[in-house]
């Protein structure tokens, strides 16, 4: 099954860019998530409705000593309503940003800084 696509907006320093919670997508614990355009200046906006800590596992595409690198595990603390994560260099995370989540109580959107 395909990963759930996270919506992305380009950010201009001369304009206000925002997401409403209704524009985000809920975490897909079965299929995982993806941002189809990672330009190296991509930020993830995370909205949590969980009272417990949750994790986001960012998938690395780089290798270390010819071995695949494991995911970068990020913890969203309990009672944290919104967080920003990133940016994600393309040489480490790829042109498509893929990640797995621990809960559907996390919602996601993305911003491009470039």
N, C-alpha and C. Protein backbone atom coordinates (compact mmCIF):
# COMPACT_ATOMS: atom_id res chain seq x y z
N UNK A 1 0.84 -1.17 0.00
CA UNK A 1 0.00 0.00 0.00
C UNK A 1 0.89 1.24 0.00
N UNK A 2 0.45 2.30 -0.64
CA UNK A 2 1.21 3.54 -0.74
C UNK A 2 1.16 4.31 0.57
N UNK A 3 2.23 5.03 0.84
CA UNK A 3 2.28 5.88 2.01
C UNK A 3 1.28 7.03 1.86
N UNK A 4 0.76 7.51 2.98
CA UNK A 4 -0.17 8.64 2.98
C UNK A 4 0.59 9.92 2.68
N UNK A 5 0.09 10.69 1.71
CA UNK A 5 0.76 11.91 1.29
C UNK A 5 0.42 13.08 2.21
N UNK A 6 1.45 13.79 2.61
CA UNK A 6 1.31 14.98 3.46
C UNK A 6 1.28 16.21 2.56
N UNK A 7 0.29 17.11 2.73
CA UNK A 7 0.24 18.32 1.91
C UNK A 7 1.43 19.24 2.22
N UNK A 8 1.90 19.95 1.18
CA UNK A 8 3.04 20.85 1.34
C UNK A 8 2.71 22.22 0.74
N UNK A 9 3.17 23.28 1.42
CA UNK A 9 3.01 24.66 0.93
C UNK A 9 4.38 25.31 0.84
N UNK A 10 4.58 26.10 -0.22
CA UNK A 10 5.81 26.87 -0.37
C UNK A 10 5.68 28.13 0.49
N UNK A 11 6.74 28.45 1.23
CA UNK A 11 6.75 29.60 2.12
C UNK A 11 7.55 30.73 1.49
N UNK A 12 7.00 31.92 1.53
CA UNK A 12 7.70 33.12 1.10
C UNK A 12 7.95 33.98 2.32
N UNK A 13 9.11 34.58 2.40
CA UNK A 13 9.38 35.44 3.55
C UNK A 13 8.55 36.71 3.52
N UNK A 14 7.90 36.97 2.39
CA UNK A 14 7.10 38.18 2.25
C UNK A 14 5.61 37.92 2.43
N UNK A 15 5.23 36.72 2.80
CA UNK A 15 3.82 36.39 2.99
C UNK A 15 3.67 35.46 4.19
N UNK A 16 2.50 35.47 4.78
CA UNK A 16 2.22 34.57 5.90
C UNK A 16 1.69 33.26 5.33
N UNK A 17 2.29 32.16 5.74
CA UNK A 17 1.83 30.84 5.31
C UNK A 17 1.41 30.06 6.55
N UNK A 18 0.25 29.45 6.49
CA UNK A 18 -0.22 28.70 7.65
C UNK A 18 -1.04 27.51 7.19
N UNK A 19 -1.24 26.59 8.10
CA UNK A 19 -2.12 25.45 7.90
C UNK A 19 -3.17 25.47 9.00
N UNK A 20 -4.37 25.15 8.66
CA UNK A 20 -5.39 24.88 9.65
C UNK A 20 -5.34 23.39 9.95
N UNK A 21 -5.74 23.01 11.14
CA UNK A 21 -5.73 21.60 11.51
C UNK A 21 -6.52 20.77 10.50
N UNK A 22 -7.60 21.32 9.94
CA UNK A 22 -8.43 20.59 8.98
C UNK A 22 -7.69 20.33 7.66
N UNK A 23 -6.63 21.07 7.37
CA UNK A 23 -5.86 20.89 6.14
C UNK A 23 -4.77 19.83 6.28
N UNK A 24 -4.53 19.36 7.48
CA UNK A 24 -3.49 18.38 7.73
C UNK A 24 -4.03 16.97 7.52
N UNK A 25 -3.13 15.99 7.54
CA UNK A 25 -3.55 14.59 7.43
C UNK A 25 -3.12 13.85 8.69
N UNK A 26 -3.97 12.94 9.12
CA UNK A 26 -3.69 12.15 10.33
C UNK A 26 -2.59 11.14 10.07
N UNK A 27 -1.85 10.83 11.11
CA UNK A 27 -0.78 9.84 11.01
C UNK A 27 -1.32 8.48 10.60
N UNK A 28 -0.65 7.87 9.65
CA UNK A 28 -1.03 6.54 9.16
C UNK A 28 -0.04 5.54 9.73
N UNK A 29 -0.46 4.83 10.77
CA UNK A 29 0.43 3.89 11.46
C UNK A 29 0.66 2.61 10.68
N UNK A 30 -0.18 2.33 9.68
CA UNK A 30 -0.07 1.10 8.89
C UNK A 30 0.82 1.30 7.67
N UNK A 31 0.52 2.32 6.87
CA UNK A 31 1.22 2.53 5.60
C UNK A 31 2.38 3.51 5.68
N UNK A 32 2.43 4.32 6.73
CA UNK A 32 3.46 5.35 6.84
C UNK A 32 3.05 6.61 6.10
N UNK A 33 3.95 7.57 6.10
CA UNK A 33 3.68 8.90 5.56
C UNK A 33 4.78 9.30 4.59
N UNK A 34 4.46 10.29 3.72
CA UNK A 34 5.47 10.82 2.82
C UNK A 34 5.14 12.25 2.43
N UNK A 35 6.19 13.03 2.21
CA UNK A 35 6.09 14.35 1.58
C UNK A 35 6.74 14.16 0.23
N UNK A 36 5.97 14.31 -0.85
CA UNK A 36 6.48 13.94 -2.17
C UNK A 36 7.54 14.88 -2.71
N UNK A 37 7.70 16.06 -2.13
CA UNK A 37 8.75 16.99 -2.55
C UNK A 37 9.57 17.38 -1.34
N UNK A 38 10.77 16.83 -1.24
CA UNK A 38 11.73 17.28 -0.24
C UNK A 38 12.82 18.02 -0.99
N UNK A 39 12.82 19.35 -0.88
CA UNK A 39 13.80 20.16 -1.59
C UNK A 39 15.01 20.51 -0.74
N UNK A 40 15.12 19.89 0.42
CA UNK A 40 16.22 20.18 1.33
C UNK A 40 15.88 21.30 2.30
N UNK A 41 14.79 22.01 2.03
CA UNK A 41 14.33 23.07 2.91
C UNK A 41 12.92 22.78 3.39
N UNK A 42 12.61 21.51 3.55
CA UNK A 42 11.26 21.09 3.95
C UNK A 42 11.17 21.00 5.47
N UNK A 43 10.08 21.54 6.02
CA UNK A 43 9.78 21.44 7.44
C UNK A 43 8.46 20.70 7.61
N UNK A 44 8.39 19.82 8.60
CA UNK A 44 7.14 19.15 8.95
C UNK A 44 6.47 19.91 10.08
N UNK A 45 5.19 20.17 9.91
CA UNK A 45 4.35 20.75 10.96
C UNK A 45 3.58 19.59 11.56
N UNK A 46 3.71 19.40 12.87
CA UNK A 46 3.07 18.27 13.56
C UNK A 46 2.10 18.82 14.59
N UNK A 47 0.89 18.33 14.53
CA UNK A 47 -0.15 18.71 15.48
C UNK A 47 -0.53 17.45 16.25
N UNK A 48 -0.46 17.51 17.59
CA UNK A 48 -0.72 16.34 18.41
C UNK A 48 -1.95 16.56 19.28
N UNK A 49 -2.82 15.56 19.32
CA UNK A 49 -3.96 15.58 20.23
C UNK A 49 -3.79 14.51 21.30
N UNK A 50 -2.57 14.02 21.45
CA UNK A 50 -2.29 12.95 22.40
C UNK A 50 -1.79 13.51 23.73
N UNK A 51 -2.22 12.89 24.81
CA UNK A 51 -1.72 13.23 26.12
C UNK A 51 -0.47 12.43 26.49
N UNK A 52 -0.01 11.62 25.56
CA UNK A 52 1.19 10.80 25.79
C UNK A 52 2.24 11.13 24.73
N UNK A 53 3.49 10.86 25.04
CA UNK A 53 4.56 11.07 24.06
C UNK A 53 4.34 10.15 22.86
N UNK A 54 4.66 10.63 21.66
CA UNK A 54 4.54 9.87 20.42
C UNK A 54 5.85 9.96 19.65
N UNK A 55 6.06 9.05 18.71
CA UNK A 55 7.31 9.07 17.95
C UNK A 55 7.05 9.22 16.45
N UNK A 56 8.03 9.82 15.79
CA UNK A 56 8.08 9.94 14.34
C UNK A 56 9.44 9.39 13.93
N UNK A 57 9.43 8.36 13.08
CA UNK A 57 10.66 7.73 12.61
C UNK A 57 10.97 8.22 11.20
N UNK A 58 11.96 9.10 11.07
CA UNK A 58 12.36 9.65 9.78
C UNK A 58 13.27 8.65 9.08
N UNK A 59 12.94 8.29 7.83
CA UNK A 59 13.69 7.28 7.07
C UNK A 59 14.87 7.95 6.37
N UNK A 60 16.07 7.42 6.64
CA UNK A 60 17.28 7.90 5.98
C UNK A 60 17.52 7.08 4.71
N UNK A 61 17.99 7.74 3.66
CA UNK A 61 18.33 7.02 2.44
C UNK A 61 19.83 6.85 2.29
N UNK A 62 20.60 7.56 3.11
CA UNK A 62 22.06 7.47 3.05
C UNK A 62 22.52 6.15 3.66
N UNK A 63 23.73 5.74 3.30
CA UNK A 63 24.31 4.55 3.88
C UNK A 63 25.56 4.94 4.67
N UNK A 64 25.92 4.12 5.65
CA UNK A 64 27.12 4.32 6.45
C UNK A 64 27.94 3.05 6.34
N UNK A 65 29.16 3.19 5.84
CA UNK A 65 30.02 2.03 5.63
C UNK A 65 29.31 0.93 4.84
N UNK A 66 28.60 1.33 3.80
CA UNK A 66 27.89 0.43 2.89
C UNK A 66 26.72 -0.31 3.55
N UNK A 67 26.31 0.16 4.73
CA UNK A 67 25.17 -0.42 5.44
C UNK A 67 24.05 0.61 5.50
N UNK A 68 22.81 0.18 5.30
CA UNK A 68 21.72 1.14 5.41
C UNK A 68 21.65 1.72 6.82
N UNK A 69 21.45 3.02 6.88
CA UNK A 69 21.30 3.68 8.18
C UNK A 69 19.90 3.42 8.72
N UNK A 70 19.77 3.34 10.02
CA UNK A 70 18.46 3.16 10.64
C UNK A 70 17.70 4.48 10.63
N UNK A 71 16.44 4.44 11.02
CA UNK A 71 15.66 5.68 11.04
C UNK A 71 16.11 6.61 12.16
N UNK A 72 15.86 7.89 11.98
CA UNK A 72 16.06 8.88 13.04
C UNK A 72 14.74 8.95 13.79
N UNK A 73 14.74 8.59 15.07
CA UNK A 73 13.52 8.55 15.87
C UNK A 73 13.39 9.85 16.65
N UNK A 74 12.31 10.56 16.40
CA UNK A 74 12.02 11.82 17.08
C UNK A 74 10.84 11.62 18.01
N UNK A 75 10.90 12.20 19.19
CA UNK A 75 9.81 12.08 20.15
C UNK A 75 9.06 13.40 20.26
N UNK A 76 7.74 13.32 20.08
CA UNK A 76 6.86 14.46 20.30
C UNK A 76 6.39 14.33 21.75
N UNK A 77 6.78 15.27 22.63
CA UNK A 77 6.43 15.13 24.05
C UNK A 77 4.92 15.15 24.28
N UNK A 78 4.52 14.57 25.40
CA UNK A 78 3.11 14.59 25.81
C UNK A 78 2.64 16.04 25.94
N UNK A 79 1.37 16.26 25.60
CA UNK A 79 0.73 17.57 25.73
C UNK A 79 1.40 18.66 24.92
N UNK A 80 2.07 18.29 23.81
CA UNK A 80 2.65 19.26 22.89
C UNK A 80 1.69 19.41 21.73
N UNK A 81 1.06 20.57 21.61
CA UNK A 81 0.05 20.73 20.58
C UNK A 81 0.66 20.81 19.19
N UNK A 82 1.65 21.69 18.98
CA UNK A 82 2.26 21.82 17.66
C UNK A 82 3.78 21.80 17.76
N UNK A 83 4.40 21.27 16.72
CA UNK A 83 5.86 21.21 16.63
C UNK A 83 6.27 21.42 15.18
N UNK A 84 7.47 21.91 14.97
CA UNK A 84 8.10 21.97 13.66
C UNK A 84 9.33 21.09 13.69
N UNK A 85 9.51 20.29 12.63
CA UNK A 85 10.65 19.39 12.52
C UNK A 85 11.31 19.64 11.17
N UNK A 86 12.62 19.72 11.14
CA UNK A 86 13.33 19.88 9.87
C UNK A 86 14.31 21.03 9.95
N UNK A 87 14.91 21.38 8.83
CA UNK A 87 14.78 20.85 7.47
C UNK A 87 15.51 19.51 7.31
N UNK A 88 15.29 18.88 6.16
CA UNK A 88 15.78 17.54 5.87
C UNK A 88 16.66 17.55 4.62
N UNK A 89 17.99 17.50 4.78
CA UNK A 89 18.88 17.50 3.61
C UNK A 89 18.57 16.33 2.68
N UNK A 90 18.48 16.62 1.37
CA UNK A 90 18.14 15.59 0.39
C UNK A 90 19.14 14.45 0.35
N UNK A 91 20.44 14.74 0.56
CA UNK A 91 21.43 13.67 0.48
C UNK A 91 21.27 12.65 1.61
N UNK A 92 20.62 13.03 2.69
CA UNK A 92 20.38 12.10 3.80
C UNK A 92 18.98 11.50 3.78
N UNK A 93 17.98 12.31 3.39
CA UNK A 93 16.59 11.89 3.49
C UNK A 93 15.92 11.63 2.15
N UNK A 94 16.58 12.00 1.05
CA UNK A 94 16.04 11.75 -0.28
C UNK A 94 15.14 12.86 -0.78
N UNK A 95 14.76 12.76 -2.06
CA UNK A 95 13.87 13.74 -2.69
C UNK A 95 12.43 13.59 -2.24
N UNK A 96 12.08 12.41 -1.76
CA UNK A 96 10.76 12.14 -1.17
C UNK A 96 11.03 11.84 0.30
N UNK A 97 10.43 12.64 1.17
CA UNK A 97 10.63 12.47 2.61
C UNK A 97 9.64 11.43 3.13
N UNK A 98 10.15 10.32 3.64
CA UNK A 98 9.30 9.25 4.16
C UNK A 98 9.50 9.10 5.65
N UNK A 99 8.39 8.82 6.36
CA UNK A 99 8.48 8.62 7.80
C UNK A 99 7.33 7.76 8.29
N UNK A 100 7.56 7.14 9.45
CA UNK A 100 6.55 6.31 10.10
C UNK A 100 6.15 6.98 11.40
N UNK A 101 4.94 6.73 11.85
CA UNK A 101 4.42 7.38 13.05
C UNK A 101 3.86 6.34 14.02
N UNK A 102 3.85 6.70 15.29
CA UNK A 102 3.37 5.77 16.32
C UNK A 102 1.88 5.91 16.60
N UNK A 103 1.25 6.98 16.08
CA UNK A 103 -0.14 7.22 16.45
C UNK A 103 -0.89 8.02 15.39
N UNK A 104 -2.18 7.72 15.25
CA UNK A 104 -3.06 8.51 14.39
C UNK A 104 -3.48 9.80 15.09
N UNK A 105 -3.05 9.99 16.33
CA UNK A 105 -3.34 11.23 17.06
C UNK A 105 -2.37 12.35 16.69
N UNK A 106 -1.44 12.04 15.79
CA UNK A 106 -0.55 13.06 15.22
C UNK A 106 -1.06 13.42 13.83
N UNK A 107 -1.10 14.71 13.52
CA UNK A 107 -1.48 15.18 12.19
C UNK A 107 -0.31 15.94 11.60
N UNK A 108 -0.21 15.93 10.25
CA UNK A 108 0.95 16.48 9.58
C UNK A 108 0.59 17.37 8.40
N UNK A 109 1.44 18.36 8.19
CA UNK A 109 1.47 19.17 6.99
C UNK A 109 2.95 19.54 6.80
N UNK A 110 3.31 20.11 5.66
CA UNK A 110 4.71 20.44 5.42
C UNK A 110 4.83 21.80 4.76
N UNK A 111 5.95 22.46 5.03
CA UNK A 111 6.29 23.73 4.42
C UNK A 111 7.60 23.56 3.66
N UNK A 112 7.74 24.25 2.53
CA UNK A 112 9.00 24.29 1.79
C UNK A 112 9.59 25.69 1.97
N UNK A 113 10.82 25.74 2.44
CA UNK A 113 11.49 27.03 2.65
C UNK A 113 12.17 27.55 1.39
N UNK A 114 12.26 26.70 0.36
CA UNK A 114 12.95 27.11 -0.87
C UNK A 114 11.98 27.45 -1.97
